Amino acid sequence: MEEIADGLHSLTVEQWIYKFGELYTLQNNYDVIARRKKGNVKARQMLVTAQKIAAILSSFPFIKGVGVSGSLSKNFADIDADIDFFIITEENRLWLARTILMAFRRLTIPFRKDHLLCLNYFIDEKMLEIEEKNIYTATEVATLLPFRGIKTFQKFFRENQWTQTYLPNHALRVSYVQETRNPILKKFVEFLFRNQLGNFMDSFFMRWTRFRFNKRVEKGKENSKGYLMDLKISKHYAKHNPDQLQKKITEIYEKKIVNLFGLYENNAKTVF
């Protein structure tokens, strides 16, 4: 920590970075800090709501873990921020569970509360390891906020230790996670569909969802954020726009890193 503090002090003196209170930024602009602080306050408020919703979602059939990803998991929320949920389901029951949750989400649309229930990412217990391994996915996994399903998330983080390659100093957070709810109705529905009928329905809903999204892609439909309404589909995962968003953000990140090092090297040549 002393070495980091010395390094930050040197960079501040040389005006490579700027310090406002306890926060550092690459821009000599306090508006960036003000926006950050305002976003932190709003995020804390929204996380209270997210925790309550996570408790409800965990009471649905075949739900084994519920967490929050996206900007909210990084303790930041803009005015129009969504609550992005990361859902882990029982093995081979992802599509049955997802269909039930999506039907529940439709009930929030007339009340304009659907932004509080964005179900963007599903995986099941069969495939806990994230396929795409890059700085973007490592950051999403490392900053994921689990709310329900402590045992499931412990397994999830063990399967994704590869994130330490990108973020070796980040401690994964599972200590305050509660277990999922298991009301009688949840147990009853799970009992009804832990059989061949459940296998058939899960496969049917996967094929049905794939057909619907293929039609949307053909028509070029976009969501409210301007992204193509695409869904990456497998028996063991469902991911909204993963390739588009990851590619865009990683390209921006890499470009900024290259530019930053270029500026630093030019400055060093000028000095020496």
Protein backbone atom coordinates (compact mmCIF):
# COMPACT_ATOMS: atom_id res chain seq x y z
CA MET A 1 0.00 0.00 0.00
CA GLU A 2 2.92 2.34 0.69
CA GLU A 3 4.29 1.74 -2.82
CA ILE A 4 0.87 2.42 -4.34
CA ALA A 5 0.49 5.61 -2.27
CA ASP A 6 3.94 6.79 -3.39
CA GLY A 7 3.14 5.99 -7.01
CA LEU A 8 -0.16 7.86 -6.87
CA HIS A 9 1.55 10.84 -5.24
CA SER A 10 4.21 10.97 -7.97
CA LEU A 11 1.60 10.76 -10.74
CA THR A 12 -0.39 13.53 -9.07
CA VAL A 13 2.65 15.80 -8.78
CA GLU A 14 3.47 15.16 -12.46
CA GLN A 15 -0.21 15.82 -13.29
CA TRP A 16 -0.76 12.49 -14.98
CA ILE A 17 -3.67 12.01 -12.62
CA TYR A 18 -5.65 14.39 -10.41
CA LYS A 19 -6.86 14.03 -6.85
CA PHE A 20 -10.10 15.45 -5.44
CA GLY A 21 -10.53 14.50 -1.79
CA GLU A 22 -9.99 10.72 -1.63
CA LEU A 23 -10.73 10.12 -5.31
CA TYR A 24 -8.39 10.08 -8.31
CA THR A 25 -9.21 10.78 -11.95
CA LEU A 26 -7.43 11.05 -15.31
CA GLN A 27 -9.26 14.33 -15.94
CA ASN A 28 -8.68 17.64 -14.18
CA ASN A 29 -12.42 18.09 -13.89
CA TYR A 30 -14.34 18.06 -10.61
CA ASP A 31 -17.61 17.39 -12.47
CA VAL A 32 -16.39 13.80 -12.95
CA ILE A 33 -16.07 13.43 -9.17
CA ALA A 34 -19.45 15.05 -8.51
CA ARG A 35 -21.10 12.64 -10.97
CA ARG A 36 -19.32 9.70 -9.32
CA LYS A 37 -20.49 10.68 -5.83
CA LYS A 38 -24.05 11.26 -6.99
CA GLY A 39 -24.03 7.88 -8.74
CA ASN A 40 -22.72 6.19 -5.58
CA VAL A 41 -25.60 7.59 -3.51
CA LYS A 42 -28.21 6.48 -6.04
CA ALA A 43 -26.59 3.04 -6.31
CA ARG A 44 -26.84 2.49 -2.55
CA GLN A 45 -30.55 3.31 -2.72
CA MET A 46 -31.14 0.99 -5.69
CA LEU A 47 -29.20 -1.85 -4.08
CA VAL A 48 -31.73 -1.90 -1.23
CA THR A 49 -34.45 -2.41 -3.83
CA ALA A 50 -32.34 -5.00 -5.66
CA GLN A 51 -31.90 -7.02 -2.49
CA LYS A 52 -35.67 -7.16 -1.94
CA ILE A 53 -36.29 -8.21 -5.55
CA ALA A 54 -33.55 -10.85 -5.33
CA ALA A 55 -35.35 -12.37 -2.34
CA ILE A 56 -38.53 -12.63 -4.42
CA LEU A 57 -36.74 -14.10 -7.45
CA SER A 58 -35.04 -16.74 -5.30
CA SER A 59 -38.46 -18.08 -4.31
CA PHE A 60 -39.23 -19.07 -7.93
CA PRO A 61 -38.83 -22.69 -9.06
CA PHE A 62 -35.33 -23.94 -9.96
CA ILE A 63 -33.59 -20.66 -8.97
CA LYS A 64 -30.34 -21.47 -7.15
CA GLY A 65 -28.62 -18.09 -7.06
CA VAL A 66 -29.46 -14.42 -7.65
CA GLY A 67 -26.92 -11.61 -8.00
CA VAL A 68 -26.60 -8.13 -9.46
CA SER A 69 -24.18 -7.22 -12.25
CA GLY A 70 -23.66 -4.16 -14.48
CA SER A 71 -22.92 -0.65 -13.22
CA LEU A 72 -24.95 -1.17 -10.04
CA SER A 73 -22.60 -3.94 -8.88
CA LYS A 74 -19.82 -1.36 -9.13
CA ASN A 75 -21.70 0.98 -6.78
CA PHE A 76 -22.75 3.42 -9.51
CA ALA A 77 -26.13 4.33 -10.98
CA ASP A 78 -27.13 7.03 -13.45
CA ILE A 79 -30.59 8.57 -13.54
CA ASP A 80 -31.85 5.95 -16.00
CA ALA A 81 -29.98 2.99 -14.46
CA ASP A 82 -31.41 -0.53 -14.62
CA ILE A 83 -31.05 -3.37 -12.15
CA ASP A 84 -29.30 -6.15 -14.07
CA PHE A 85 -29.77 -9.55 -12.47
CA PHE A 86 -27.43 -12.51 -12.84
CA ILE A 87 -29.37 -15.75 -12.36
CA ILE A 88 -28.08 -19.26 -11.68
CA THR A 89 -30.59 -22.08 -12.12
CA GLU A 90 -30.74 -25.77 -11.38
CA GLU A 91 -29.00 -27.97 -13.95
CA ASN A 92 -31.07 -28.53 -17.11
CA ARG A 93 -33.93 -26.32 -15.89
CA LEU A 94 -32.64 -22.94 -17.08
CA TRP A 95 -35.23 -22.42 -19.80
CA LEU A 96 -38.14 -23.50 -17.68
CA ALA A 97 -37.01 -21.15 -14.90
CA ARG A 98 -36.26 -18.31 -17.32
CA THR A 99 -39.68 -18.57 -19.00
CA ILE A 100 -41.43 -18.34 -15.63
CA LEU A 101 -39.36 -15.31 -14.60
CA MET A 102 -39.89 -13.55 -17.95
CA ALA A 103 -43.66 -14.05 -17.57
CA PHE A 104 -43.40 -12.50 -14.09
CA ARG A 105 -41.41 -9.58 -15.50
CA ARG A 106 -44.20 -8.78 -17.95
CA LEU A 107 -46.40 -7.90 -14.98
CA THR A 108 -44.07 -4.97 -14.19
CA ILE A 109 -44.31 -3.38 -17.67
CA PRO A 110 -47.74 -1.67 -17.23
CA PHE A 111 -46.38 -0.03 -14.07
CA ARG A 112 -43.15 1.05 -15.85
CA LYS A 113 -41.05 -0.86 -13.34
CA ASP A 114 -39.47 -3.27 -15.82
CA HIS A 115 -36.12 -1.41 -15.54
CA LEU A 116 -35.93 -2.77 -11.98
CA LEU A 117 -36.03 -6.33 -13.30
CA CYS A 118 -33.59 -6.77 -16.19
CA LEU A 119 -32.96 -10.50 -16.57
CA ASN A 120 -29.93 -10.30 -18.84
CA TYR A 121 -27.79 -13.27 -17.89
CA PHE A 122 -28.70 -16.86 -17.00
CA ILE A 123 -26.47 -19.86 -16.43
CA ASP A 124 -27.22 -23.21 -14.83
CA GLU A 125 -25.23 -25.33 -12.39
CA LYS A 126 -23.96 -27.50 -15.23
CA MET A 127 -21.94 -24.62 -16.71
CA LEU A 128 -20.75 -22.30 -13.96
CA GLU A 129 -17.50 -21.36 -15.70
CA ILE A 130 -17.89 -18.29 -17.93
CA GLU A 131 -16.86 -19.11 -21.50
CA GLU A 132 -15.59 -15.69 -22.58
CA LYS A 133 -12.38 -14.85 -20.75
CA ASN A 134 -11.23 -11.24 -21.11
CA ILE A 135 -10.90 -8.07 -19.03
CA TYR A 136 -14.58 -7.26 -19.51
CA THR A 137 -15.94 -10.60 -18.27
CA ALA A 138 -13.31 -10.77 -15.51
CA THR A 139 -14.50 -7.39 -14.23
CA GLU A 140 -18.15 -8.47 -14.38
CA VAL A 141 -17.45 -11.68 -12.46
CA ALA A 142 -15.19 -10.02 -9.89
CA THR A 143 -17.64 -7.21 -9.15
CA LEU A 144 -20.74 -9.41 -9.18
CA LEU A 145 -22.88 -8.86 -6.08
CA PRO A 146 -24.50 -12.13 -4.96
CA PHE A 147 -27.63 -11.69 -2.86
CA ARG A 148 -29.17 -15.18 -2.69
CA GLY A 149 -27.66 -18.66 -2.95
CA ILE A 150 -24.42 -18.61 -0.98
CA LYS A 151 -23.49 -22.26 -1.68
CA THR A 152 -24.15 -21.85 -5.40
CA PHE A 153 -22.06 -18.68 -5.64
CA GLN A 154 -19.22 -20.29 -3.74
CA LYS A 155 -19.13 -22.95 -6.46
CA PHE A 156 -19.45 -20.26 -9.14
CA PHE A 157 -16.45 -18.30 -7.91
CA ARG A 158 -14.36 -21.47 -7.56
CA GLU A 159 -15.10 -22.28 -11.21
CA ASN A 160 -14.04 -18.78 -12.26
CA GLN A 161 -10.68 -18.40 -10.54
CA TRP A 162 -9.28 -17.45 -13.97
CA THR A 163 -10.42 -13.89 -13.21
CA GLN A 164 -7.42 -13.61 -10.86
CA THR A 165 -5.22 -13.50 -13.97
CA TYR A 166 -6.77 -10.16 -14.88
CA LEU A 167 -7.58 -8.86 -11.37
CA PRO A 168 -5.18 -10.58 -8.96
CA ASN A 169 -5.85 -8.22 -6.05
CA HIS A 170 -9.62 -8.36 -6.13
CA ALA A 171 -11.37 -10.35 -3.38
CA LEU A 172 -14.57 -12.05 -4.53
CA ARG A 173 -17.58 -11.24 -2.36
CA VAL A 174 -19.76 -14.00 -0.93
CA SER A 175 -19.68 -13.49 2.84
CA TYR A 176 -23.05 -11.74 3.25
CA VAL A 177 -25.07 -13.80 0.76
CA GLN A 178 -28.23 -15.42 2.09
CA GLU A 179 -29.57 -18.78 0.99
CA THR A 180 -32.39 -18.94 -1.55
CA ARG A 181 -35.98 -19.11 -0.37
CA ASN A 182 -37.74 -22.47 -0.63
CA PRO A 183 -41.46 -21.94 -0.05
CA ILE A 184 -43.84 -24.87 -0.33
CA LEU A 185 -45.10 -23.79 -3.78
CA LYS A 186 -41.52 -23.70 -5.13
CA LYS A 187 -40.81 -27.19 -3.82
CA PHE A 188 -44.10 -28.49 -5.25
CA VAL A 189 -43.47 -27.10 -8.76
CA GLU A 190 -39.91 -28.45 -8.73
CA PHE A 191 -41.23 -31.87 -7.69
CA LEU A 192 -43.73 -31.81 -10.59
CA PHE A 193 -41.07 -31.06 -13.21
CA ARG A 194 -38.04 -33.06 -12.05
CA ASN A 195 -38.85 -35.74 -14.60
CA GLN A 196 -39.07 -36.36 -18.34
CA LEU A 197 -41.88 -33.82 -18.67
CA GLY A 198 -39.57 -31.17 -17.19
CA ASN A 199 -36.81 -32.19 -19.61
CA PHE A 200 -39.19 -31.87 -22.54
CA MET A 201 -40.54 -28.47 -21.45
CA ASP A 202 -37.06 -27.06 -20.82
CA SER A 203 -35.91 -28.06 -24.32
CA PHE A 204 -39.16 -26.79 -25.83
CA PHE A 205 -38.82 -23.34 -24.23
CA MET A 206 -35.19 -23.13 -25.39
CA ARG A 207 -36.19 -23.84 -29.01
CA TRP A 208 -39.15 -21.48 -28.79
CA THR A 209 -36.97 -18.65 -27.43
CA ARG A 210 -34.35 -19.24 -30.13
CA PHE A 211 -37.04 -19.04 -32.83
CA ARG A 212 -38.40 -15.74 -31.42
CA PHE A 213 -34.99 -14.09 -31.19
CA ASN A 214 -33.95 -15.25 -34.65
CA LYS A 215 -37.03 -13.48 -35.98
CA ARG A 216 -36.10 -10.30 -34.12
CA VAL A 217 -32.56 -10.40 -35.49
CA GLU A 218 -33.87 -10.89 -39.03
CA LYS A 219 -36.05 -7.79 -38.62
CA GLY A 220 -33.15 -5.81 -37.11
CA LYS A 221 -35.05 -4.95 -33.94
CA GLU A 222 -33.12 -2.97 -31.34
CA ASN A 223 -33.64 -2.46 -27.63
CA SER A 224 -33.98 0.90 -25.86
CA LYS A 225 -30.16 1.24 -25.71
CA GLY A 226 -29.71 0.77 -29.45
CA TYR A 227 -28.36 -2.79 -29.35
CA LEU A 228 -29.65 -5.53 -31.63
CA MET A 229 -32.16 -7.68 -29.73
CA ASP A 230 -30.02 -10.79 -29.88
CA LEU A 231 -29.66 -13.59 -27.38
CA LYS A 232 -26.81 -16.09 -27.17
CA ILE A 233 -28.53 -19.40 -26.48
CA SER A 234 -27.35 -22.76 -25.20
CA LYS A 235 -28.86 -25.50 -23.06
CA HIS A 236 -26.91 -24.13 -20.12
CA TYR A 237 -26.85 -20.35 -20.64
CA ALA A 238 -28.79 -17.36 -22.02
CA LYS A 239 -26.92 -14.07 -22.55
CA HIS A 240 -28.22 -10.80 -23.99
CA ASN A 241 -25.94 -9.12 -26.57
CA PRO A 242 -22.71 -10.51 -25.06
CA ASP A 243 -20.52 -10.23 -28.14
CA GLN A 244 -21.70 -6.76 -29.20
CA LEU A 245 -21.25 -5.15 -25.79
CA GLN A 246 -18.04 -6.93 -24.89
CA LYS A 247 -16.41 -6.11 -28.21
CA LYS A 248 -17.38 -2.45 -28.03
CA ILE A 249 -16.16 -1.95 -24.46
CA THR A 250 -12.93 -3.94 -24.80
CA GLU A 251 -12.04 -2.03 -27.98
CA ILE A 252 -12.59 1.31 -26.20
CA TYR A 253 -10.56 0.10 -23.22
CA GLU A 254 -7.63 -1.10 -25.33
CA LYS A 255 -7.61 2.11 -27.37
CA LYS A 256 -7.49 4.24 -24.22
CA ILE A 257 -4.66 2.16 -22.75
CA VAL A 258 -2.62 2.48 -25.96
CA ASN A 259 -3.21 6.25 -26.09
CA LEU A 260 -2.31 6.67 -22.43
CA PHE A 261 0.97 4.78 -22.75
CA GLY A 262 1.74 6.66 -25.94
CA LEU A 263 1.34 9.99 -24.17
CA TYR A 264 3.50 8.79 -21.26
CA GLU A 265 6.29 7.56 -23.54
CA ASN A 266 6.29 10.84 -25.51
CA ASN A 267 6.49 12.82 -22.28
CA ALA A 268 9.37 10.66 -21.03
CA LYS A 269 11.32 11.23 -24.25
CA THR A 270 10.75 14.99 -23.93
CA VAL A 271 11.99 15.00 -20.31
CA PHE A 272 15.11 12.88 -20.97
